[in-house]
Amino acid sequence: MRKGDPQRLITPCASCHGVGGQGGKLEAPALGGQNPVYFVRTMLHYHGGQRHNDVAKGMRFFAERLSRAEIEALAAYYADLPATRRR
C-alpha cells in the first residue's frame, strides 16, 4: 500500500489514493472504509479488463500484477480504515 513492489512494477496505492485512503490527485477515489466485497469485485474487473472507466489503464496495469490474495488483503486493509470525504 505504501511501498508497492518495484520489481513487479506495482506502484504504491498511497501515491494516488493517499496514505490514509482518503483519495488523492487526479480524481483518485477514497478507499478508506470501502466495502471489501465491492473493492475485490472492482479490482477483479480491472484485472480482467471488464472495467472501462480507466482511460489511461493505470488501474488495469496495477491490478493485473496482483494475486487474488493480495487484492483481498488490500480490501480488508482499506475496509478497516475510517471513511473520509475529499473536499
PDB file of N, CA and C in Angstrom:
ATOM      1  N   MET A   1       0.822  -1.183   0.000  1.00  0.00           N
ATOM      2  CA  MET A   1       0.000   0.000   0.000  1.00  0.00           C
ATOM      3  C   MET A   1       0.870   1.252   0.000  1.00  0.00           C
ATOM      4  N   ARG A   2       1.883   1.282   0.850  1.00  0.00           N
ATOM      5  CA  ARG A   2       2.753   2.459   0.919  1.00  0.00           C
ATOM      6  C   ARG A   2       4.049   2.306   0.125  1.00  0.00           C
ATOM      7  N   LYS A   3       4.478   1.074  -0.101  1.00  0.00           N
ATOM      8  CA  LYS A   3       5.753   0.861  -0.773  1.00  0.00           C
ATOM      9  C   LYS A   3       5.602   0.317  -2.183  1.00  0.00           C
ATOM     10  N   GLY A   4       4.519  -0.373  -2.459  1.00  0.00           N
ATOM     11  CA  GLY A   4       4.381  -1.009  -3.759  1.00  0.00           C
ATOM     12  C   GLY A   4       5.398  -2.133  -3.904  1.00  0.00           C
ATOM     13  N   ASP A   5       5.685  -2.495  -5.122  1.00  0.00           N
ATOM     14  CA  ASP A   5       6.677  -3.529  -5.397  1.00  0.00           C
ATOM     15  C   ASP A   5       7.368  -3.184  -6.713  1.00  0.00           C
ATOM     16  N   PRO A   6       8.474  -2.438  -6.633  1.00  0.00           N
ATOM     17  CA  PRO A   6       9.155  -2.011  -7.853  1.00  0.00           C
ATOM     18  C   PRO A   6       9.575  -3.161  -8.758  1.00  0.00           C
ATOM     19  N   GLN A   7       9.911  -4.308  -8.186  1.00  0.00           N
ATOM     20  CA  GLN A   7      10.327  -5.446  -9.016  1.00  0.00           C
ATOM     21  C   GLN A   7       9.186  -5.960  -9.885  1.00  0.00           C
ATOM     22  N   ARG A   8       7.956  -5.787  -9.415  1.00  0.00           N
ATOM     23  CA  ARG A   8       6.777  -6.219 -10.172  1.00  0.00           C
ATOM     24  C   ARG A   8       6.087  -5.043 -10.859  1.00  0.00           C
ATOM     25  N   LEU A   9       6.713  -3.866 -10.824  1.00  0.00           N
ATOM     26  CA  LEU A   9       6.168  -2.643 -11.407  1.00  0.00           C
ATOM     27  C   LEU A   9       4.824  -2.260 -10.788  1.00  0.00           C
ATOM     28  N   ILE A  10       4.704  -2.466  -9.474  1.00  0.00           N
ATOM     29  CA  ILE A  10       3.486  -2.104  -8.755  1.00  0.00           C
ATOM     30  C   ILE A  10       3.764  -0.821  -7.970  1.00  0.00           C
ATOM     31  N   THR A  11       3.081   0.241  -8.345  1.00  0.00           N
ATOM     32  CA  THR A  11       3.232   1.500  -7.630  1.00  0.00           C
ATOM     33  C   THR A  11       2.465   1.442  -6.317  1.00  0.00           C
ATOM     34  N   PRO A  12       2.843   2.238  -5.328  1.00  0.00           N
ATOM     35  CA  PRO A  12       2.105   2.245  -4.065  1.00  0.00           C
ATOM     36  C   PRO A  12       0.689   2.808  -4.255  1.00  0.00           C
ATOM     37  N   CYS A  13      -0.276   2.178  -3.651  1.00  0.00           N
ATOM     38  CA  CYS A  13      -1.658   2.679  -3.703  1.00  0.00           C
ATOM     39  C   CYS A  13      -1.715   4.110  -3.183  1.00  0.00           C
ATOM     40  N   ALA A  14      -0.919   4.362  -2.122  1.00  0.00           N
ATOM     41  CA  ALA A  14      -0.934   5.661  -1.464  1.00  0.00           C
ATOM     42  C   ALA A  14      -0.497   6.791  -2.388  1.00  0.00           C
ATOM     43  N   SER A  15       0.263   6.491  -3.415  1.00  0.00           N
ATOM     44  CA  SER A  15       0.720   7.557  -4.308  1.00  0.00           C
ATOM     45  C   SER A  15      -0.441   8.229  -5.034  1.00  0.00           C
ATOM     46  N   CYS A  16      -1.534   7.538  -5.222  1.00  0.00           N
ATOM     47  CA  CYS A  16      -2.722   8.124  -5.861  1.00  0.00           C
ATOM     48  C   CYS A  16      -3.887   8.279  -4.891  1.00  0.00           C
ATOM     49  N   HIS A  17      -4.059   7.303  -4.009  1.00  0.00           N
ATOM     50  CA  HIS A  17      -5.243   7.264  -3.143  1.00  0.00           C
ATOM     51  C   HIS A  17      -5.004   7.834  -1.749  1.00  0.00           C
ATOM     52  N   GLY A  18      -3.793   8.311  -1.482  1.00  0.00           N
ATOM     53  CA  GLY A  18      -3.479   8.915  -0.193  1.00  0.00           C
ATOM     54  C   GLY A  18      -3.060   7.884   0.837  1.00  0.00           C
ATOM     55  N   VAL A  19      -2.234   8.318   1.774  1.00  0.00           N
ATOM     56  CA  VAL A  19      -1.700   7.425   2.809  1.00  0.00           C
ATOM     57  C   VAL A  19      -2.811   6.852   3.686  1.00  0.00           C
ATOM     58  N   GLY A  20      -3.831   7.638   3.949  1.00  0.00           N
ATOM     59  CA  GLY A  20      -4.948   7.169   4.769  1.00  0.00           C
ATOM     60  C   GLY A  20      -6.132   6.690   3.958  1.00  0.00           C
ATOM     61  N   GLY A  21      -5.932   6.492   2.656  1.00  0.00           N
ATOM     62  CA  GLY A  21      -7.027   6.043   1.801  1.00  0.00           C
ATOM     63  C   GLY A  21      -8.065   7.115   1.563  1.00  0.00           C
ATOM     64  N   GLN A  22      -7.691   8.380   1.760  1.00  0.00           N
ATOM     65  CA  GLN A  22      -8.637   9.491   1.685  1.00  0.00           C
ATOM     66  C   GLN A  22      -8.919   9.974   0.267  1.00  0.00           C
ATOM     67  N   GLY A  23      -8.273   9.382  -0.703  1.00  0.00           N
ATOM     68  CA  GLY A  23      -8.418   9.849  -2.077  1.00  0.00           C
ATOM     69  C   GLY A  23      -7.291  10.808  -2.366  1.00  0.00           C
ATOM     70  N   GLY A  24      -7.084  11.072  -3.613  1.00  0.00           N
ATOM     71  CA  GLY A  24      -5.939  11.902  -3.918  1.00  0.00           C
ATOM     72  C   GLY A  24      -6.043  12.622  -5.221  1.00  0.00           C
ATOM     73  N   LYS A  25      -4.892  12.804  -5.810  1.00  0.00           N
ATOM     74  CA  LYS A  25      -4.755  13.570  -7.039  1.00  0.00           C
ATOM     75  C   LYS A  25      -5.508  12.921  -8.193  1.00  0.00           C
ATOM     76  N   LEU A  26      -5.815  13.754  -9.153  1.00  0.00           N
ATOM     77  CA  LEU A  26      -6.416  13.287 -10.406  1.00  0.00           C
ATOM     78  C   LEU A  26      -7.670  12.448 -10.204  1.00  0.00           C
ATOM     79  N   GLU A  27      -8.470  12.870  -9.254  1.00  0.00           N
ATOM     80  CA  GLU A  27      -9.760  12.221  -9.005  1.00  0.00           C
ATOM     81  C   GLU A  27      -9.660  10.784  -8.509  1.00  0.00           C
ATOM     82  N   ALA A  28      -8.532  10.395  -7.950  1.00  0.00           N
ATOM     83  CA  ALA A  28      -8.425   9.046  -7.377  1.00  0.00           C
ATOM     84  C   ALA A  28      -9.395   8.955  -6.205  1.00  0.00           C
ATOM     85  N   PRO A  29     -10.283   7.975  -6.202  1.00  0.00           N
ATOM     86  CA  PRO A  29     -11.308   7.907  -5.163  1.00  0.00           C
ATOM     87  C   PRO A  29     -10.749   7.526  -3.790  1.00  0.00           C
ATOM     88  N   ALA A  30     -11.494   7.893  -2.777  1.00  0.00           N
ATOM     89  CA  ALA A  30     -11.174   7.479  -1.412  1.00  0.00           C
ATOM     90  C   ALA A  30     -11.410   5.977  -1.296  1.00  0.00           C
ATOM     91  N   LEU A  31     -10.519   5.294  -0.599  1.00  0.00           N
ATOM     92  CA  LEU A  31     -10.645   3.853  -0.400  1.00  0.00           C
ATOM     93  C   LEU A  31     -10.900   3.499   1.058  1.00  0.00           C
ATOM     94  N   GLY A  32     -10.621   4.425   1.965  1.00  0.00           N
ATOM     95  CA  GLY A  32     -10.847   4.175   3.385  1.00  0.00           C
ATOM     96  C   GLY A  32     -12.318   3.895   3.663  1.00  0.00           C
ATOM     97  N   GLY A  33     -12.589   2.820   4.391  1.00  0.00           N
ATOM     98  CA  GLY A  33     -13.959   2.439   4.720  1.00  0.00           C
ATOM     99  C   GLY A  33     -14.710   1.767   3.583  1.00  0.00           C
ATOM    100  N   GLN A  34     -14.013   1.474   2.510  1.00  0.00           N
ATOM    101  CA  GLN A  34     -14.646   0.859   1.333  1.00  0.00           C
ATOM    102  C   GLN A  34     -15.162  -0.544   1.657  1.00  0.00           C
ATOM    103  N   ASN A  35     -16.317  -0.862   1.139  1.00  0.00           N
ATOM    104  CA  ASN A  35     -16.881  -2.198   1.291  1.00  0.00           C
ATOM    105  C   ASN A  35     -15.925  -3.194   0.634  1.00  0.00           C
ATOM    106  N   PRO A  36     -15.444  -4.197   1.378  1.00  0.00           N
ATOM    107  CA  PRO A  36     -14.442  -5.099   0.808  1.00  0.00           C
ATOM    108  C   PRO A  36     -14.949  -5.931  -0.365  1.00  0.00           C
ATOM    109  N   VAL A  37     -16.220  -6.281  -0.366  1.00  0.00           N
ATOM    110  CA  VAL A  37     -16.774  -7.057  -1.485  1.00  0.00           C
ATOM    111  C   VAL A  37     -16.740  -6.208  -2.757  1.00  0.00           C
ATOM    112  N   TYR A  38     -17.133  -4.954  -2.626  1.00  0.00           N
ATOM    113  CA  TYR A  38     -17.093  -4.036  -3.762  1.00  0.00           C
ATOM    114  C   TYR A  38     -15.655  -3.837  -4.238  1.00  0.00           C
ATOM    115  N   PHE A  39     -14.735  -3.645  -3.288  1.00  0.00           N
ATOM    116  CA  PHE A  39     -13.330  -3.431  -3.632  1.00  0.00           C
ATOM    117  C   PHE A  39     -12.786  -4.617  -4.427  1.00  0.00           C
ATOM    118  N   VAL A  40     -13.009  -5.823  -3.941  1.00  0.00           N
ATOM    119  CA  VAL A  40     -12.499  -7.022  -4.615  1.00  0.00           C
ATOM    120  C   VAL A  40     -13.117  -7.141  -6.011  1.00  0.00           C
ATOM    121  N   ARG A  41     -14.419  -6.972  -6.100  1.00  0.00           N
ATOM    122  CA  ARG A  41     -15.095  -7.085  -7.399  1.00  0.00           C
ATOM    123  C   ARG A  41     -14.539  -6.055  -8.389  1.00  0.00           C
ATOM    124  N   THR A  42     -14.368  -4.826  -7.937  1.00  0.00           N
ATOM    125  CA  THR A  42     -13.852  -3.779  -8.805  1.00  0.00           C
ATOM    126  C   THR A  42     -12.432  -4.089  -9.272  1.00  0.00           C
ATOM    127  N   MET A  43     -11.585  -4.519  -8.348  1.00  0.00           N
ATOM    128  CA  MET A  43     -10.206  -4.845  -8.713  1.00  0.00           C
ATOM    129  C   MET A  43     -10.153  -6.020  -9.685  1.00  0.00           C
ATOM    130  N   LEU A  44     -11.007  -7.001  -9.479  1.00  0.00           N
ATOM    131  CA  LEU A  44     -11.040  -8.139 -10.410  1.00  0.00           C
ATOM    132  C   LEU A  44     -11.538  -7.708 -11.785  1.00  0.00           C
ATOM    133  N   HIS A  45     -12.443  -6.744 -11.821  1.00  0.00           N
ATOM    134  CA  HIS A  45     -12.897  -6.216 -13.110  1.00  0.00           C
ATOM    135  C   HIS A  45     -11.781  -5.452 -13.812  1.00  0.00           C
ATOM    136  N   TYR A  46     -11.005  -4.689 -13.058  1.00  0.00           N
ATOM    137  CA  TYR A  46      -9.826  -4.041 -13.657  1.00  0.00           C
ATOM    138  C   TYR A  46      -8.855  -5.114 -14.159  1.00  0.00           C
ATOM    139  N   HIS A  47      -8.616  -6.101 -13.333  1.00  0.00           N
ATOM    140  CA  HIS A  47      -7.686  -7.194 -13.649  1.00  0.00           C
ATOM    141  C   HIS A  47      -8.072  -7.882 -14.955  1.00  0.00           C
ATOM    142  N   GLY A  48      -9.354  -8.115 -15.141  1.00  0.00           N
ATOM    143  CA  GLY A  48      -9.827  -8.830 -16.317  1.00  0.00           C
ATOM    144  C   GLY A  48     -10.179  -7.948 -17.503  1.00  0.00           C
ATOM    145  N   GLY A  49      -9.973  -6.637 -17.364  1.00  0.00           N
ATOM    146  CA  GLY A  49     -10.276  -5.722 -18.462  1.00  0.00           C
ATOM    147  C   GLY A  49     -11.749  -5.461 -18.656  1.00  0.00           C
ATOM    148  N   GLN A  50     -12.575  -5.759 -17.649  1.00  0.00           N
ATOM    149  CA  GLN A  50     -14.021  -5.559 -17.770  1.00  0.00           C
ATOM    150  C   GLN A  50     -14.457  -4.174 -17.308  1.00  0.00           C
ATOM    151  N   ARG A  51     -13.571  -3.451 -16.675  1.00  0.00           N
ATOM    152  CA  ARG A  51     -13.884  -2.104 -16.202  1.00  0.00           C
ATOM    153  C   ARG A  51     -13.333  -1.122 -17.224  1.00  0.00           C
ATOM    154  N   HIS A  52     -14.186  -0.235 -17.741  1.00  0.00           N
ATOM    155  CA  HIS A  52     -13.800   0.620 -18.864  1.00  0.00           C
ATOM    156  C   HIS A  52     -13.717   2.106 -18.508  1.00  0.00           C
ATOM    157  N   ASN A  53     -13.712   2.445 -17.226  1.00  0.00           N
ATOM    158  CA  ASN A  53     -13.616   3.848 -16.836  1.00  0.00           C
ATOM    159  C   ASN A  53     -12.178   4.245 -16.503  1.00  0.00           C
ATOM    160  N   ASP A  54     -11.246   3.431 -16.876  1.00  0.00           N
ATOM    161  CA  ASP A  54      -9.828   3.624 -16.585  1.00  0.00           C
ATOM    162  C   ASP A  54      -9.134   4.034 -17.882  1.00  0.00           C
ATOM    163  N   VAL A  55      -9.323   5.283 -18.277  1.00  0.00           N
ATOM    164  CA  VAL A  55      -8.884   5.755 -19.582  1.00  0.00           C
ATOM    165  C   VAL A  55      -7.400   5.481 -19.839  1.00  0.00           C
ATOM    166  N   ALA A  56      -6.544   5.767 -18.876  1.00  0.00           N
ATOM    167  CA  ALA A  56      -5.104   5.561 -19.057  1.00  0.00           C
ATOM    168  C   ALA A  56      -4.679   4.131 -18.728  1.00  0.00           C
ATOM    169  N   LYS A  57      -5.610   3.316 -18.292  1.00  0.00           N
ATOM    170  CA  LYS A  57      -5.380   1.910 -17.946  1.00  0.00           C
ATOM    171  C   LYS A  57      -4.374   1.713 -16.800  1.00  0.00           C
ATOM    172  N   GLY A  58      -4.221   2.748 -15.967  1.00  0.00           N
ATOM    173  CA  GLY A  58      -3.324   2.656 -14.823  1.00  0.00           C
ATOM    174  C   GLY A  58      -3.782   1.624 -13.810  1.00  0.00           C
ATOM    175  N   MET A  59      -5.073   1.613 -13.506  1.00  0.00           N
ATOM    176  CA  MET A  59      -5.588   0.635 -12.540  1.00  0.00           C
ATOM    177  C   MET A  59      -5.557  -0.773 -13.128  1.00  0.00           C
ATOM    178  N   ARG A  60      -5.824  -0.890 -14.392  1.00  0.00           N
ATOM    179  CA  ARG A  60      -5.757  -2.215 -15.020  1.00  0.00           C
ATOM    180  C   ARG A  60      -4.330  -2.750 -14.955  1.00  0.00           C
ATOM    181  N   PHE A  61      -3.359  -1.924 -15.292  1.00  0.00           N
ATOM    182  CA  PHE A  61      -1.951  -2.306 -15.236  1.00  0.00           C
ATOM    183  C   PHE A  61      -1.579  -2.718 -13.813  1.00  0.00           C
ATOM    184  N   PHE A  62      -2.045  -1.953 -12.832  1.00  0.00           N
ATOM    185  CA  PHE A  62      -1.786  -2.244 -11.417  1.00  0.00           C
ATOM    186  C   PHE A  62      -2.441  -3.564 -11.003  1.00  0.00           C
ATOM    187  N   ALA A  63      -3.728  -3.694 -11.285  1.00  0.00           N
ATOM    188  CA  ALA A  63      -4.493  -4.865 -10.837  1.00  0.00           C
ATOM    189  C   ALA A  63      -4.011  -6.163 -11.476  1.00  0.00           C
ATOM    190  N   GLU A  64      -3.558  -6.101 -12.706  1.00  0.00           N
ATOM    191  CA  GLU A  64      -3.090  -7.311 -13.396  1.00  0.00           C
ATOM    192  C   GLU A  64      -1.902  -7.961 -12.688  1.00  0.00           C
ATOM    193  N   ARG A  65      -1.180  -7.194 -11.923  1.00  0.00           N
ATOM    194  CA  ARG A  65       0.015  -7.694 -11.253  1.00  0.00           C
ATOM    195  C   ARG A  65      -0.257  -8.231  -9.844  1.00  0.00           C
ATOM    196  N   LEU A  66      -1.483  -8.118  -9.394  1.00  0.00           N
ATOM    197  CA  LEU A  66      -1.844  -8.573  -8.051  1.00  0.00           C
ATOM    198  C   LEU A  66      -2.505  -9.943  -8.084  1.00  0.00           C
ATOM    199  N   SER A  67      -2.225 -10.725  -7.067  1.00  0.00           N
ATOM    200  CA  SER A  67      -2.917 -12.010  -6.915  1.00  0.00           C
ATOM    201  C   SER A  67      -4.269 -11.759  -6.243  1.00  0.00           C
ATOM    202  N   ARG A  68      -5.122 -12.743  -6.305  1.00  0.00           N
ATOM    203  CA  ARG A  68      -6.424 -12.644  -5.616  1.00  0.00           C
ATOM    204  C   ARG A  68      -6.213 -12.426  -4.124  1.00  0.00           C
ATOM    205  N   ALA A  69      -5.248 -13.113  -3.528  1.00  0.00           N
ATOM    206  CA  ALA A  69      -4.968 -12.959  -2.098  1.00  0.00           C
ATOM    207  C   ALA A  69      -4.503 -11.535  -1.785  1.00  0.00           C
ATOM    208  N   GLU A  70      -3.698 -10.950  -2.658  1.00  0.00           N
ATOM    209  CA  GLU A  70      -3.249  -9.566  -2.433  1.00  0.00           C
ATOM    210  C   GLU A  70      -4.410  -8.588  -2.547  1.00  0.00           C
ATOM    211  N   ILE A  71      -5.291  -8.818  -3.501  1.00  0.00           N
ATOM    212  CA  ILE A  71      -6.473  -7.959  -3.654  1.00  0.00           C
ATOM    213  C   ILE A  71      -7.352  -8.059  -2.410  1.00  0.00           C
ATOM    214  N   GLU A  72      -7.560  -9.263  -1.915  1.00  0.00           N
ATOM    215  CA  GLU A  72      -8.383  -9.442  -0.720  1.00  0.00           C
ATOM    216  C   GLU A  72      -7.733  -8.814   0.512  1.00  0.00           C
ATOM    217  N   ALA A  73      -6.410  -8.886   0.609  1.00  0.00           N
ATOM    218  CA  ALA A  73      -5.706  -8.251   1.732  1.00  0.00           C
ATOM    219  C   ALA A  73      -5.855  -6.730   1.658  1.00  0.00           C
ATOM    220  N   LEU A  74      -5.736  -6.163   0.465  1.00  0.00           N
ATOM    221  CA  LEU A  74      -5.940  -4.722   0.315  1.00  0.00           C
ATOM    222  C   LEU A  74      -7.370  -4.333   0.664  1.00  0.00           C
ATOM    223  N   ALA A  75      -8.324  -5.147   0.257  1.00  0.00           N
ATOM    224  CA  ALA A  75      -9.731  -4.875   0.564  1.00  0.00           C
ATOM    225  C   ALA A  75      -9.956  -4.841   2.071  1.00  0.00           C
ATOM    226  N   ALA A  76      -9.392  -5.798   2.783  1.00  0.00           N
ATOM    227  CA  ALA A  76      -9.532  -5.840   4.245  1.00  0.00           C
ATOM    228  C   ALA A  76      -8.847  -4.637   4.884  1.00  0.00           C
ATOM    229  N   TYR A  77      -7.680  -4.293   4.395  1.00  0.00           N
ATOM    230  CA  TYR A  77      -6.941  -3.151   4.934  1.00  0.00           C
ATOM    231  C   TYR A  77      -7.760  -1.868   4.777  1.00  0.00           C
ATOM    232  N   TYR A  78      -8.237  -1.598   3.579  1.00  0.00           N
ATOM    233  CA  TYR A  78      -8.973  -0.362   3.338  1.00  0.00           C
ATOM    234  C   TYR A  78     -10.327  -0.353   4.048  1.00  0.00           C
ATOM    235  N   ALA A  79     -10.956  -1.496   4.178  1.00  0.00           N
ATOM    236  CA  ALA A  79     -12.237  -1.553   4.892  1.00  0.00           C
ATOM    237  C   ALA A  79     -12.074  -1.144   6.347  1.00  0.00           C
ATOM    238  N   ASP A  80     -10.914  -1.433   6.930  1.00  0.00           N
ATOM    239  CA  ASP A  80     -10.665  -1.111   8.334  1.00  0.00           C
ATOM    240  C   ASP A  80     -10.283   0.350   8.565  1.00  0.00           C
ATOM    241  N   LEU A  81      -9.954   1.078   7.518  1.00  0.00           N
ATOM    242  CA  LEU A  81      -9.623   2.496   7.675  1.00  0.00           C
ATOM    243  C   LEU A  81     -10.907   3.310   7.787  1.00  0.00           C
ATOM    244  N   PRO A  82     -10.837   4.441   8.468  1.00  0.00           N
ATOM    245  CA  PRO A  82     -12.041   5.284   8.539  1.00  0.00           C
ATOM    246  C   PRO A  82     -12.373   5.878   7.178  1.00  0.00           C
ATOM    247  N   ALA A  83     -13.645   5.940   6.904  1.00  0.00           N
ATOM    248  CA  ALA A  83     -14.100   6.557   5.655  1.00  0.00           C
ATOM    249  C   ALA A  83     -13.865   8.065   5.746  1.00  0.00           C
ATOM    250  N   THR A  84     -13.380   8.633   4.669  1.00  0.00           N
ATOM    251  CA  THR A  84     -13.144  10.071   4.623  1.00  0.00           C
ATOM    252  C   THR A  84     -13.764  10.632   3.372  1.00  0.00           C
ATOM    253  N   ARG A  85     -14.061  11.906   3.425  1.00  0.00           N
ATOM    254  CA  ARG A  85     -14.600  12.586   2.252  1.00  0.00           C
ATOM    255  C   ARG A  85     -13.602  13.635   1.797  1.00  0.00           C
ATOM    256  N   ARG A  86     -13.359  13.647   0.523  1.00  0.00           N
ATOM    257  CA  ARG A  86     -12.498  14.700  -0.033  1.00  0.00           C
ATOM    258  C   ARG A  86     -13.308  15.961  -0.166  1.00  0.00           C
ATOM    259  N   ARG A  87     -12.642  17.063  -0.054  1.00  0.00           N
ATOM    260  CA  ARG A  87     -13.338  18.349  -0.215  1.00  0.00           C
ATOM    261  C   ARG A  87     -13.017  18.962  -1.535  1.00  0.00           C
TER     262      ARG A  87
END
